[in-house]
Amino acid sequence: MWRLAVCAVLVLVAVELCGCGGSDSPNPNPQVVTINIQQNRFFPMDATVRAGDRVTWVNADASVHQVVSGTLAATSTPIVRQPIILINENNTFVPDTFEANLGDTVRWQNNRVAAFNMDIVDSSNTPQITVSFVRTGQIIGLSGFPGAGFYTYQQQNNPNFAGAIRVFGRPIPDGNFSSQPLPKSGTFTTQFPNRGTFPYFDFNQGDPNHSFMAGTITVQ
């Protein structure tokens, strides 16, 4: 009887432990979330799904894209980029398009009479950084872009007074998933069975060491 009682207690303990540390309940209604690749950007750039859902990338661009899991790292040799971007009185930036590597310093000069507030906005139209110029002729440098990607620099609350900058990073694949090169209308689908955060980027077919399109899949 004593041995039977001990066994019963051990079984009860095992059941309790399994109840506390068991696996997540399966997703009873898995979904497919679509991310479009167009205008050299991901729409949406970031997506949140449930464990068990699938994500499909659709290439709507004429150029080839390749979806690869991993991150885009900063350059190991940062520089101060030339030229200085001018903020002019006639509501123009010169130049109005720019390229840099993640970690480089990009500079703007306020040539307007009044103070000027400038937002750095990511490809999801979310302001990331505000730069405030308090006087004419002031030059401010920025090296703190939050990551590789496509950004606009614009007058605060005025997207019509804007320029564009592509910030490139160094690809570091993590091996979680990778598509084949996708031609126009090509698709790639993968399932996310586990919770976590899964960054990804577009592998640059023209320059394997530099990519700027990136996003994140968050699995809840």
Foldseek 3Di string as FASTA:
>chain_A
DVVVVVVVVVVVVVVVVCVVDPDDDADPDAEEAEWEQPPNEIVVQEAEGAAFHKYKYWYQYQDWWKKFWFFFAFDPDAEADDDAWECDQVLEIVVQEEEEAQQHKHKYFYQHQAKFKKFKAFPVRHTDDIDIGGHHGDMDIDRPDPGFHKIWIATVPDPVSIGIYGYKGFTDGDPPDMDDTAHHRRMDMDGRNDFDKIKIFIQDPVDRGIGRYIHMYGYD
